[in-house]
Amino acid sequence: MFRRAVTTLDLLGFSNLTKRERLSPMMNETEFESFYNAHSRPLQAYIRRIAGSAEIADDLVQESFMRFIGASLRSNDNEKAYLYRIATNLTYDYFRRNSREMKRQTNLASNEEPAYEPFAAEGEMARVFDKLNLQERALLWLAYVEGHQHNEIAAMLNLKPLSVRVLLFRARRKLAALLETKNLEVNKL
């Protein structure tokens, strides 16, 4: 007769958790749904770019929200920064765990294209961007694609704000050097 409404939590596969397990004390189901809708796509794009794979990004986005729900946030915590910190740590952990396998596959397929299919207009730039390490990709993405301030990036990546400034400078220089070796135009990074 009456059907239960499908919520964002159900779509994410969280329906088998008890209500107490599903939501942090600071957020009810409606607040979480609006938070998820506001942040899931940018988080997906961020993880996809630093991880280099849409499949990995899908798994890590879901895991990030699962851990966010289970976390006990204080009322003065920046929820978005905390979510990005969770996602960044999960991405680092994923690559740490799978580094041996990735090295083996890289040696076997050194001349193959990346695991994801970049947009045609950004193909060469995406290949150059993939040569940066995970932290450099994360810093550049958050600063120049999403437009976050240094203090926000510091909170997201669990760094000191002054460190972000130095690390961004180094990442820009490294990216510029890589672009120059590929003979791509560098517009004053």
Protein backbone atom coordinates (compact mmCIF):
# COMPACT_ATOMS: atom_id res chain seq x y z
CA MET A 1 0.00 0.00 0.00
CA PHE A 2 2.38 2.68 1.22
CA ARG A 3 5.85 2.75 -0.19
CA ARG A 4 8.82 3.90 1.79
CA ALA A 5 10.49 6.95 0.27
CA VAL A 6 13.95 6.26 -1.16
CA THR A 7 16.47 8.60 0.41
CA THR A 8 20.02 9.51 -0.51
CA LEU A 9 21.19 7.19 2.27
CA ASP A 10 19.37 4.29 0.60
CA LEU A 11 20.88 5.09 -2.79
CA LEU A 12 24.35 5.11 -1.26
CA GLY A 13 23.77 1.67 0.22
CA PHE A 14 23.47 2.90 3.80
CA SER A 15 19.95 1.54 4.32
CA ASN A 16 21.18 -1.57 6.15
CA LEU A 17 22.67 0.56 8.93
CA THR A 18 20.63 1.45 11.96
CA LYS A 19 19.51 5.07 12.20
CA ARG A 20 21.95 5.62 15.05
CA GLU A 21 24.88 4.32 12.95
CA ARG A 22 23.80 6.26 9.86
CA LEU A 23 23.94 9.83 11.07
CA SER A 24 26.43 11.83 13.03
CA PRO A 25 25.05 13.55 16.13
CA MET A 26 25.42 16.94 14.42
CA MET A 27 23.33 16.14 11.32
CA ASN A 28 19.88 14.71 10.69
CA GLU A 29 18.84 12.83 7.55
CA THR A 30 17.54 15.92 5.70
CA GLU A 31 20.67 17.91 6.49
CA PHE A 32 22.84 15.03 5.34
CA GLU A 33 20.91 14.73 2.08
CA SER A 34 21.43 18.41 1.27
CA PHE A 35 25.09 18.16 2.34
CA TYR A 36 25.53 15.12 0.08
CA ASN A 37 23.83 16.82 -2.86
CA ALA A 38 26.01 19.91 -2.46
CA HIS A 39 29.35 18.11 -2.09
CA SER A 40 29.21 14.73 -3.83
CA ARG A 41 29.93 15.92 -7.39
CA PRO A 42 32.86 18.23 -6.52
CA LEU A 43 34.30 15.50 -4.28
CA GLN A 44 33.89 12.97 -7.09
CA ALA A 45 35.73 15.26 -9.53
CA TYR A 46 38.48 15.93 -6.97
CA ILE A 47 39.11 12.26 -6.22
CA ARG A 48 38.86 11.30 -9.89
CA ARG A 49 41.53 13.81 -10.79
CA ILE A 50 43.98 12.93 -8.05
CA ALA A 51 43.36 9.16 -8.31
CA GLY A 52 43.15 9.07 -12.11
CA SER A 53 40.23 6.67 -12.20
CA ALA A 54 36.46 7.07 -12.14
CA GLU A 55 35.97 3.61 -10.63
CA ILE A 56 38.33 4.32 -7.74
CA ALA A 57 36.68 7.70 -7.24
CA ASP A 58 33.20 6.15 -7.03
CA ASP A 59 34.31 3.75 -4.31
CA LEU A 60 36.23 6.38 -2.37
CA VAL A 61 33.39 8.93 -2.49
CA GLN A 62 31.00 6.40 -1.00
CA GLU A 63 33.54 5.36 1.63
CA SER A 64 34.23 9.04 2.44
CA PHE A 65 30.57 9.73 3.12
CA MET A 66 30.29 6.52 5.16
CA ARG A 67 33.17 7.61 7.37
CA PHE A 68 31.83 11.15 7.54
CA ILE A 69 28.51 9.83 8.81
CA GLY A 70 30.24 7.73 11.45
CA ALA A 71 32.51 10.55 12.59
CA SER A 72 31.77 12.56 15.68
CA LEU A 73 32.17 16.17 14.62
CA ARG A 74 32.36 19.05 16.99
CA SER A 75 29.97 21.90 16.27
CA ASN A 76 32.84 24.22 15.26
CA ASP A 77 34.36 21.82 12.68
CA ASN A 78 34.18 22.70 9.00
CA GLU A 79 32.17 19.78 7.62
CA LYS A 80 33.31 20.20 4.02
CA ALA A 81 36.98 20.36 5.02
CA TYR A 82 36.52 17.29 7.18
CA LEU A 83 34.88 15.38 4.31
CA TYR A 84 37.73 16.32 1.94
CA ARG A 85 40.30 15.30 4.57
CA ILE A 86 38.63 11.91 4.86
CA ALA A 87 38.58 11.53 1.07
CA THR A 88 42.21 12.59 0.71
CA ASN A 89 43.36 10.18 3.42
CA LEU A 90 41.37 7.34 1.84
CA THR A 91 42.95 8.09 -1.54
CA TYR A 92 46.45 8.10 -0.05
CA ASP A 93 45.69 4.86 1.80
CA TYR A 94 44.33 3.24 -1.35
CA PHE A 95 47.48 4.04 -3.30
CA ARG A 96 49.75 3.02 -0.44
CA ARG A 97 47.97 -0.31 -0.21
CA ASN A 98 48.05 -0.93 -3.94
CA SER A 99 51.46 0.56 -4.77
CA ARG A 100 53.18 -2.77 -5.43
CA GLU A 101 50.45 -3.90 -7.79
CA MET A 102 50.41 -0.54 -9.56
CA LYS A 103 54.20 -0.60 -10.04
CA ARG A 104 53.97 -4.06 -11.56
CA GLN A 105 51.19 -2.99 -13.92
CA THR A 106 53.05 0.20 -14.83
CA ASN A 107 56.10 -1.82 -15.83
CA LEU A 108 53.99 -4.16 -17.96
CA ALA A 109 52.07 -1.40 -19.70
CA SER A 110 54.47 1.53 -19.73
CA ASN A 111 53.37 2.71 -23.17
CA GLU A 112 49.62 2.44 -22.61
CA GLU A 113 47.20 5.31 -22.07
CA PRO A 114 46.01 6.23 -18.54
CA ALA A 115 43.34 4.11 -16.85
CA TYR A 116 40.69 6.77 -17.43
CA GLU A 117 39.64 8.47 -20.61
CA PRO A 118 40.26 12.24 -20.39
CA PHE A 119 38.22 14.73 -22.36
CA ALA A 120 39.71 15.32 -25.82
CA ALA A 121 40.57 18.98 -25.17
CA GLU A 122 42.48 18.19 -21.98
CA GLY A 123 44.18 14.95 -23.03
CA GLU A 124 47.80 16.09 -23.05
CA MET A 125 47.34 18.28 -19.98
CA ALA A 126 45.76 15.36 -18.11
CA ARG A 127 48.74 13.14 -18.93
CA VAL A 128 51.13 15.80 -17.62
CA PHE A 129 48.99 16.34 -14.51
CA ASP A 130 49.10 12.60 -13.80
CA LYS A 131 52.90 12.79 -13.52
CA LEU A 132 52.55 14.85 -10.34
CA ASN A 133 52.34 13.03 -7.03
CA LEU A 134 49.00 12.70 -5.22
CA GLN A 135 49.57 15.61 -2.85
CA GLU A 136 50.62 17.95 -5.65
CA ARG A 137 47.54 17.02 -7.68
CA ALA A 138 45.31 17.53 -4.65
CA LEU A 139 46.83 20.93 -3.87
CA LEU A 140 46.58 22.21 -7.44
CA TRP A 141 43.04 20.91 -7.89
CA LEU A 142 41.73 22.42 -4.68
CA ALA A 143 43.47 25.76 -5.22
CA TYR A 144 42.96 26.38 -8.93
CA VAL A 145 39.98 24.28 -9.98
CA GLU A 146 37.80 24.56 -6.90
CA GLY A 147 39.24 27.93 -5.82
CA HIS A 148 39.77 27.24 -2.13
CA GLN A 149 41.84 29.52 0.10
CA HIS A 150 45.07 28.26 1.65
CA ASN A 151 43.53 27.87 5.11
CA GLU A 152 40.67 25.78 3.67
CA ILE A 153 43.12 23.57 1.78
CA ALA A 154 45.18 23.18 4.94
CA ALA A 155 42.11 21.92 6.80
CA MET A 156 41.17 19.56 3.95
CA LEU A 157 44.63 18.03 3.60
CA ASN A 158 45.60 18.23 7.28
CA LEU A 159 48.49 20.60 6.61
CA LYS A 160 49.61 23.88 8.12
CA PRO A 161 48.41 26.96 6.16
CA LEU A 162 51.95 28.22 5.59
CA SER A 163 52.95 24.78 4.29
CA VAL A 164 50.18 24.95 1.72
CA ARG A 165 51.66 28.12 0.29
CA VAL A 166 55.12 26.56 -0.10
CA LEU A 167 53.81 23.24 -1.41
CA LEU A 168 51.58 24.99 -3.96
CA PHE A 169 54.55 27.02 -5.17
CA ARG A 170 56.61 23.85 -5.62
CA ALA A 171 53.73 22.02 -7.33
CA ARG A 172 53.22 24.93 -9.76
CA ARG A 173 56.93 24.95 -10.59
CA LYS A 174 56.97 21.20 -11.14
CA LEU A 175 53.88 21.38 -13.34
CA ALA A 176 55.39 24.23 -15.35
CA ALA A 177 58.60 22.24 -15.86
CA LEU A 178 56.62 19.20 -17.00
CA LEU A 179 54.59 21.34 -19.40
CA GLU A 180 57.74 22.87 -20.83
CA THR A 181 59.25 19.44 -21.47
CA LYS A 182 56.10 18.55 -23.41
CA ASN A 183 56.36 21.86 -25.30
CA LEU A 184 52.97 22.97 -24.08
CA GLU A 185 52.35 26.66 -23.57
CA VAL A 186 52.76 27.79 -19.98
CA ASN A 187 50.79 30.91 -19.06
CA LYS A 188 52.71 32.07 -16.00
CA LEU A 189 51.77 29.55 -13.35
